[in-house]
Amino acid sequence: TDAGASEDKINIMTLHSAKGLEFGTVFLPGWEEGLFPHQRSLDENGRAGLEEERRLAYVGITRAKRRATISFAQNRRVRNLWQSSLPSRFIDELPEAHVEVAPMSNSYGGYGIGSYGASRFEERITPFSNTYDTPGWQRAQKAYAKGEAMRSPPHIVEGQLVARETEGQDIERGARVFHQKFGYGRVTHVDGNKLTIDFDKAGEKRVLDSFIERA
């Protein structure tokens, strides 16, 4: 019937346009570091950009009356290249009592590979195995192995879990560095914790030092 056909549909929209609306079930894909929170927002606006992205995450989740399904990709094709992805730090901030973790295979051994400490959901996730041979995937494996001894419990402030950020680094002009999204480059200017970097493939970008590492 026409009535049945009108109900058998989905609505696709941005988080901004979803404000004020409610749905029984909501699907929120793409919760990956660099995508959500978006790397540009972090690079250009720092903590203020992170908080704005966090508010959007809240908007997305609260659009659901009954169930919200959040997902992330282990690998994503960006500019015709496969890149490994890290789950968004926002996933780690969800209230554990209201989270049901779906079984995964060939996935990361937890969400704590980034700069924000180990995940509370880590014990529910099985360690990942290498099924790809791309440079991005290999970097993710190295980061995971290195992070085993470096992980620390999430930072608790007044009963709420907050994302752990890396401390500033002493990066000098001319240093060779690596950025997870833009790749390798050389620092051309230093302004406090803000670096201007001439990346080999992405060109000149201005980023915070907490998002790069020495090459």
Protein backbone atom coordinates (compact mmCIF):
# COMPACT_ATOMS: atom_id res chain seq x y z
CA THR A 1 0.00 0.00 0.00
CA ASP A 2 1.01 3.62 -0.28
CA ALA A 3 1.02 3.90 3.51
CA GLY A 4 3.28 0.89 3.84
CA ALA A 5 5.62 2.16 1.15
CA SER A 6 5.98 5.50 2.88
CA GLU A 7 7.01 3.79 6.12
CA ASP A 8 9.51 1.45 4.49
CA LYS A 9 12.31 3.98 4.06
CA ILE A 10 15.35 5.50 5.68
CA ASN A 11 16.35 9.13 6.17
CA ILE A 12 19.95 10.12 5.49
CA MET A 13 21.14 13.42 6.93
CA THR A 14 24.04 15.19 8.58
CA LEU A 15 24.30 15.54 12.35
CA HIS A 16 23.70 19.28 12.01
CA SER A 17 20.45 18.80 10.10
CA ALA A 18 19.27 16.12 12.56
CA LYS A 19 19.00 18.57 15.46
CA GLY A 20 15.48 18.60 16.90
CA LEU A 21 14.43 15.36 15.17
CA GLU A 22 13.86 11.91 16.72
CA PHE A 23 13.75 8.42 15.25
CA GLY A 24 13.17 4.96 16.67
CA THR A 25 16.50 3.64 15.39
CA VAL A 26 19.56 5.62 14.36
CA PHE A 27 22.71 4.43 12.58
CA LEU A 28 25.89 6.45 13.12
CA PRO A 29 28.72 5.24 10.85
CA GLY A 30 32.23 6.58 10.48
CA TRP A 31 33.15 7.00 14.15
CA GLU A 32 36.90 6.99 13.50
CA GLU A 33 39.75 9.20 14.65
CA GLY A 34 40.42 11.81 11.99
CA LEU A 35 36.90 11.50 10.64
CA PHE A 36 34.85 11.98 13.81
CA PRO A 37 36.26 13.95 15.52
CA HIS A 38 37.43 15.43 12.23
CA GLN A 39 41.16 16.03 11.99
CA ARG A 40 40.72 19.49 10.47
CA SER A 41 38.59 20.61 13.40
CA LEU A 42 41.25 19.39 15.84
CA ASP A 43 44.13 20.93 13.90
CA GLU A 44 42.51 24.33 13.43
CA ASN A 45 40.59 24.74 16.69
CA GLY A 46 42.27 22.45 19.22
CA ARG A 47 40.21 21.68 22.33
CA ALA A 48 37.36 23.96 21.23
CA GLY A 49 37.08 21.97 18.01
CA LEU A 50 37.10 18.71 19.95
CA GLU A 51 34.29 19.90 22.22
CA GLU A 52 32.19 20.96 19.22
CA GLU A 53 32.65 17.51 17.67
CA ARG A 54 31.72 15.94 21.01
CA ARG A 55 28.50 17.97 21.08
CA LEU A 56 27.66 16.65 17.62
CA ALA A 57 28.23 13.10 18.87
CA TYR A 58 25.72 13.78 21.65
CA VAL A 59 23.24 15.16 19.12
CA GLY A 60 23.54 12.03 16.98
CA ILE A 61 23.07 9.57 19.83
CA THR A 62 20.12 11.39 21.36
CA ARG A 63 18.20 11.35 18.07
CA ALA A 64 17.42 7.68 18.81
CA LYS A 65 14.32 6.86 20.85
CA ARG A 66 15.17 3.17 21.27
CA ARG A 67 18.49 2.15 19.72
CA ALA A 68 21.55 3.84 18.22
CA THR A 69 24.04 1.72 16.29
CA ILE A 70 27.56 3.18 16.10
CA SER A 71 30.12 1.72 13.71
CA PHE A 72 33.63 2.35 12.43
CA ALA A 73 35.72 0.98 9.57
CA GLN A 74 38.99 -0.83 10.18
CA ASN A 75 40.22 0.31 6.78
CA ARG A 76 38.97 3.18 4.63
CA ARG A 77 39.86 4.18 1.09
CA VAL A 78 41.08 7.81 1.12
CA ARG A 79 42.34 9.52 -2.05
CA ASN A 80 42.52 6.13 -3.75
CA LEU A 81 44.69 4.67 -0.97
CA TRP A 82 43.68 2.22 1.73
CA GLN A 83 44.31 3.60 5.22
CA SER A 84 43.86 1.84 8.55
CA SER A 85 41.54 3.61 10.99
CA LEU A 86 41.37 3.96 14.76
CA PRO A 87 37.98 3.92 16.52
CA SER A 88 36.80 7.33 17.67
CA ARG A 89 37.66 8.40 21.21
CA PHE A 90 33.95 9.23 21.58
CA ILE A 91 33.15 5.51 21.64
CA ASP A 92 35.20 5.19 24.81
CA GLU A 93 33.15 7.93 26.47
CA LEU A 94 29.83 6.09 26.15
CA PRO A 95 28.18 4.90 29.39
CA GLU A 96 29.14 1.25 29.70
CA ALA A 97 25.79 0.20 31.16
CA HIS A 98 24.06 1.22 27.93
CA VAL A 99 26.53 -0.20 25.42
CA GLU A 100 26.23 -3.56 23.69
CA VAL A 101 29.42 -4.44 21.81
CA ALA A 102 28.87 -6.48 18.66
CA PRO A 103 31.33 -9.35 18.06
CA MET A 104 34.11 -8.50 15.59
CA SER A 105 36.81 -10.50 13.86
CA ASN A 106 40.15 -9.30 12.51
CA SER A 107 39.75 -6.09 14.47
CA TYR A 108 41.89 -4.02 16.77
CA GLY A 109 42.47 -5.29 20.28
CA GLY A 110 40.55 -2.40 21.79
CA TYR A 111 40.04 1.27 21.19
CA GLY A 112 43.06 2.39 23.17
CA ILE A 113 45.58 2.69 20.34
CA GLY A 114 45.17 6.45 20.13
CA SER A 115 46.35 9.13 22.54
CA TYR A 116 43.60 8.73 25.09
CA GLY A 117 44.43 5.60 27.07
CA ALA A 118 42.96 2.10 27.19
CA SER A 119 39.33 1.36 26.46
CA ARG A 120 36.79 0.19 29.02
CA PHE A 121 35.37 -2.07 26.31
CA GLU A 122 38.75 -3.60 25.50
CA GLU A 123 38.13 -6.95 27.20
CA ARG A 124 35.12 -7.56 24.96
CA ILE A 125 37.09 -7.14 21.74
CA THR A 126 39.28 -9.88 20.30
CA PRO A 127 42.83 -8.93 19.20
CA PHE A 128 43.24 -8.10 15.53
CA SER A 129 45.19 -10.20 13.10
CA ASN A 130 47.01 -9.06 10.00
CA THR A 131 44.92 -9.64 6.90
CA TYR A 132 46.28 -6.64 4.99
CA ASP A 133 49.75 -5.65 3.90
CA THR A 134 49.33 -1.92 3.39
CA PRO A 135 51.67 0.64 5.02
CA GLY A 136 48.78 2.06 7.02
CA TRP A 137 47.86 -1.34 8.41
CA GLN A 138 51.49 -2.05 9.32
CA ARG A 139 51.73 1.30 11.14
CA ALA A 140 48.61 0.41 13.10
CA GLN A 141 50.15 -2.90 14.14
CA LYS A 142 53.36 -1.18 15.28
CA ALA A 143 51.36 1.42 17.21
CA TYR A 144 49.37 -1.32 18.89
CA ALA A 145 52.50 -3.27 19.85
CA LYS A 146 54.19 -0.11 21.16
CA GLY A 147 51.09 0.89 23.09
CA GLU A 148 50.89 -2.34 25.06
CA ALA A 149 53.41 -1.10 27.63
CA MET A 150 52.34 2.53 27.45
CA ARG A 151 48.63 2.23 28.12
CA SER A 152 47.20 3.75 31.26
CA PRO A 153 43.69 3.76 32.73
CA PRO A 154 41.26 6.37 31.37
CA HIS A 155 41.35 9.68 33.20
CA ILE A 156 38.37 10.06 35.56
CA VAL A 157 37.13 13.53 36.50
CA GLU A 158 34.14 13.77 38.87
CA GLY A 159 32.88 10.36 37.83
CA GLN A 160 32.98 11.02 34.10
CA LEU A 161 35.33 9.44 31.59
CA VAL A 162 37.20 11.96 29.47
CA ALA A 163 39.56 11.47 26.54
CA ARG A 164 43.25 11.47 27.36
CA GLU A 165 45.35 13.78 25.20
CA THR A 166 49.05 13.65 24.52
CA GLU A 167 51.33 16.26 26.03
CA GLY A 168 53.11 18.77 23.85
CA GLN A 169 56.37 17.79 22.22
CA ASP A 170 59.60 19.68 21.77
CA ILE A 171 59.62 19.81 17.98
CA GLU A 172 62.08 22.17 16.33
CA ARG A 173 62.05 23.79 12.91
CA GLY A 174 63.45 21.48 10.24
CA ALA A 175 62.43 18.30 12.09
CA ARG A 176 61.13 15.40 10.03
CA VAL A 177 57.72 14.31 11.33
CA PHE A 178 54.80 11.99 10.59
CA HIS A 179 51.06 12.75 10.72
CA GLN A 180 48.53 9.91 10.57
CA LYS A 181 46.41 11.63 7.92
CA PHE A 182 48.89 13.76 5.96
CA GLY A 183 51.89 11.42 6.08
CA TYR A 184 55.52 12.53 6.25
CA GLY A 185 56.70 16.13 6.17
CA ARG A 186 59.17 18.69 7.49
CA VAL A 187 58.46 21.43 10.05
CA THR A 188 58.90 24.90 8.53
CA HIS A 189 57.62 27.06 11.40
CA VAL A 190 56.95 26.63 15.14
CA ASP A 191 54.48 28.80 17.04
CA GLY A 192 54.10 27.35 20.53
CA ASN A 193 52.26 24.05 20.10
CA LYS A 194 51.18 24.94 16.55
CA LEU A 195 53.39 23.69 13.74
CA THR A 196 53.50 24.61 10.08
CA ILE A 197 54.54 21.50 8.18
CA ASP A 198 55.36 21.00 4.51
CA PHE A 199 54.04 17.49 3.88
CA ASP A 200 55.48 15.44 1.03
CA LYS A 201 52.09 14.76 -0.56
CA ALA A 202 49.54 16.95 1.24
CA GLY A 203 51.44 20.24 0.95
CA GLU A 204 51.69 22.84 3.71
CA LYS A 205 49.40 22.37 6.73
CA ARG A 206 49.15 23.96 10.18
CA VAL A 207 48.63 21.35 12.92
CA LEU A 208 48.98 20.92 16.68
CA ASP A 209 52.15 19.15 17.84
CA SER A 210 50.12 16.58 19.79
CA PHE A 211 48.95 15.05 16.51
CA ILE A 212 52.37 14.39 15.02
CA GLU A 213 55.35 12.22 15.88
CA ARG A 214 58.99 12.33 14.89
CA ALA A 215 59.72 10.37 11.75
